[in-house]
Amino acid sequence: MRPWPEPKPDGREYCPCYESRRLARRVNLFYETNTGLTSAQFSLVGFALARPGLSISEMARLLDVDRTTVTRNLAILERLGLVRQEAAPGDARRRALHATAEGRVAWRAGLAAWRAAQASFKQQIGGQEPFDALIGLLRQTANLLPGDAPKAATGS
């Protein structure tokens, strides 16, 4: 006997990948509607404020994303005047990230909206206990899986 239900009538099987992407999309939309920045942009500005001078690689590791995702979001934030990059002291090849004064203002304004979204999200899923259980399960699951994507088969 299979430990999960049979495929749905439309042919889809129950799939953690599908369900986690679906959840991530809905949660991101919920939070982004309330902050004015994407969740990735909000996190980048927050880390640039909390840990000025981080490199792109360090930021990518903290956010558990690849460097290209960080670079793409940083370009948008730089155009908006919320972050800046400069050569790191002692290594002109390394780019150090810093939030600007405008970035601090935007992050603080976004933080108030984020806190309101957080409170609303907790209430919608049933309060603090289900919220803590969800966060625990998400962290436990993430920690069980490898951090790097498997390499695609090359056919050779």
Protein backbone atom coordinates (compact mmCIF):
# COMPACT_ATOMS: atom_id res chain seq x y z
CA MET A 1 0.00 0.00 0.00
CA ARG A 2 1.30 3.43 -0.95
CA PRO A 3 1.77 5.86 1.97
CA TRP A 4 0.00 8.64 0.03
CA PRO A 5 -3.26 8.92 -1.91
CA GLU A 6 -3.63 7.85 -5.51
CA PRO A 7 -3.07 10.54 -8.16
CA LYS A 8 -5.78 13.17 -8.41
CA PRO A 9 -8.35 12.78 -11.21
CA ASP A 10 -6.46 15.33 -13.31
CA GLY A 11 -3.38 13.06 -13.26
CA ARG A 12 -1.25 15.04 -10.82
CA GLU A 13 0.31 13.06 -8.02
CA TYR A 14 0.88 14.57 -4.63
CA CYS A 15 4.29 16.16 -4.98
CA PRO A 16 6.27 18.07 -2.32
CA CYS A 17 7.99 20.10 -5.04
CA TYR A 18 4.69 21.25 -6.53
CA GLU A 19 3.09 21.91 -3.16
CA SER A 20 6.11 23.84 -1.80
CA ARG A 21 6.31 26.00 -4.95
CA ARG A 22 2.57 26.66 -4.71
CA LEU A 23 2.90 27.62 -1.05
CA ALA A 24 5.98 29.78 -1.69
CA ARG A 25 4.21 31.67 -4.48
CA ARG A 26 1.16 32.38 -2.32
CA VAL A 27 3.17 33.38 0.76
CA ASN A 28 5.44 35.62 -1.33
CA LEU A 29 2.43 37.36 -2.87
CA PHE A 30 0.89 37.82 0.56
CA TYR A 31 4.01 39.46 2.01
CA GLU A 32 4.99 41.40 -1.12
CA THR A 33 1.56 42.97 -1.38
CA ASN A 34 2.20 44.50 2.03
CA THR A 35 5.83 45.70 1.69
CA GLY A 36 6.25 47.18 -1.81
CA LEU A 37 9.44 45.13 -2.36
CA THR A 38 9.76 41.49 -3.32
CA SER A 39 10.63 39.24 -0.41
CA ALA A 40 14.11 38.73 -1.91
CA GLN A 41 14.66 42.49 -2.22
CA PHE A 42 13.40 43.14 1.31
CA SER A 43 15.79 40.48 2.66
CA LEU A 44 18.74 41.86 0.68
CA VAL A 45 18.23 45.38 2.00
CA GLY A 46 17.79 44.01 5.53
CA PHE A 47 21.02 42.01 5.38
CA ALA A 48 22.88 44.96 3.85
CA LEU A 49 21.73 47.05 6.82
CA ALA A 50 22.49 44.42 9.44
CA ARG A 51 25.81 43.28 7.99
CA PRO A 52 27.33 46.07 5.90
CA GLY A 53 30.20 45.06 3.67
CA LEU A 54 28.98 41.55 2.82
CA SER A 55 30.11 40.23 -0.55
CA ILE A 56 27.66 38.93 -3.12
CA SER A 57 28.83 35.37 -2.36
CA GLU A 58 28.32 35.86 1.39
CA MET A 59 24.86 37.31 0.78
CA ALA A 60 23.96 34.37 -1.48
CA ARG A 61 25.02 31.89 1.23
CA LEU A 62 23.00 33.69 3.90
CA LEU A 63 19.89 33.76 1.72
CA ASP A 64 20.47 30.21 0.41
CA VAL A 65 20.24 31.34 -3.23
CA ASP A 66 22.71 31.45 -6.09
CA ARG A 67 24.91 34.45 -6.86
CA THR A 68 23.00 35.28 -10.05
CA THR A 69 19.77 35.71 -8.06
CA VAL A 70 21.53 38.10 -5.67
CA THR A 71 23.18 39.99 -8.54
CA ARG A 72 19.87 40.35 -10.42
CA ASN A 73 18.06 41.68 -7.34
CA LEU A 74 20.94 43.97 -6.40
CA ALA A 75 20.82 45.60 -9.84
CA ILE A 76 17.17 46.52 -9.24
CA LEU A 77 17.90 47.77 -5.71
CA GLU A 78 20.84 49.85 -6.97
CA ARG A 79 18.62 51.46 -9.65
CA LEU A 80 16.12 52.28 -6.90
CA GLY A 81 18.94 53.81 -4.83
CA LEU A 82 18.44 51.37 -1.92
CA VAL A 83 21.86 49.67 -1.95
CA ARG A 84 25.30 50.37 -3.32
CA GLN A 85 28.32 48.24 -4.11
CA GLU A 86 31.89 49.33 -3.66
CA ALA A 87 35.30 47.72 -3.80
CA ALA A 88 36.07 45.95 -0.56
CA PRO A 89 39.01 47.26 1.47
CA GLY A 90 42.13 45.32 0.53
CA ASP A 91 40.54 43.51 -2.45
CA ALA A 92 39.25 45.63 -5.32
CA ARG A 93 37.87 42.48 -7.03
CA ARG A 94 35.45 41.82 -4.15
CA ARG A 95 32.29 43.92 -4.09
CA ALA A 96 31.08 45.03 -0.64
CA LEU A 97 27.35 45.66 -0.28
CA HIS A 98 25.90 48.55 1.70
CA ALA A 99 22.40 49.88 2.21
CA THR A 100 21.90 53.56 1.44
CA ALA A 101 19.99 56.08 3.56
CA GLU A 102 17.06 55.56 1.17
CA GLY A 103 17.41 51.83 1.66
CA ARG A 104 17.17 52.25 5.43
CA VAL A 105 14.00 54.33 5.06
CA ALA A 106 12.44 51.84 2.61
CA TRP A 107 13.36 48.88 4.81
CA ARG A 108 11.92 50.50 7.94
CA ALA A 109 8.70 51.32 6.09
CA GLY A 110 8.61 47.80 4.72
CA LEU A 111 9.31 46.34 8.15
CA ALA A 112 6.12 47.85 9.56
CA ALA A 113 4.16 46.37 6.64
CA TRP A 114 6.02 43.04 7.02
CA ARG A 115 5.11 42.88 10.72
CA ALA A 116 1.46 43.50 9.86
CA ALA A 117 1.62 40.78 7.19
CA GLN A 118 3.31 38.44 9.67
CA ALA A 119 0.58 38.99 12.27
CA SER A 120 -2.15 38.49 9.66
CA PHE A 121 -0.47 35.33 8.34
CA LYS A 122 -0.24 33.86 11.85
CA GLN A 123 -3.90 34.64 12.47
CA GLN A 124 -4.98 33.13 9.14
CA ILE A 125 -3.21 29.81 9.86
CA GLY A 126 -4.58 29.58 13.41
CA GLY A 127 -2.18 31.47 15.67
CA GLN A 128 1.31 31.16 17.11
CA GLU A 129 1.33 27.41 17.71
CA PRO A 130 0.52 26.40 14.10
CA PHE A 131 2.92 29.11 12.90
CA ASP A 132 5.76 27.71 15.02
CA ALA A 133 4.94 24.17 13.85
CA LEU A 134 5.01 25.30 10.21
CA ILE A 135 8.35 27.11 10.62
CA GLY A 136 9.79 24.08 12.42
CA LEU A 137 8.65 21.68 9.71
CA LEU A 138 9.95 23.93 6.93
CA ARG A 139 13.35 24.29 8.62
CA GLN A 140 13.59 20.58 9.40
CA THR A 141 12.74 19.68 5.81
CA ALA A 142 15.21 22.21 4.37
CA ASN A 143 17.96 20.86 6.63
CA LEU A 144 17.31 17.29 5.46
CA LEU A 145 17.80 18.13 1.79
CA PRO A 146 21.12 18.87 0.05
CA GLY A 147 21.86 22.57 -0.38
CA ASP A 148 23.15 22.33 -3.94
CA ALA A 149 20.98 21.32 -6.86
CA PRO A 150 21.98 18.01 -8.41
CA LYS A 151 23.79 18.32 -11.70
CA ALA A 152 21.66 17.56 -14.75
CA ALA A 153 22.52 14.46 -16.71
CA THR A 154 24.61 15.29 -19.75
CA GLY A 155 23.83 12.19 -21.71
CA SER A 156 27.50 11.33 -22.21
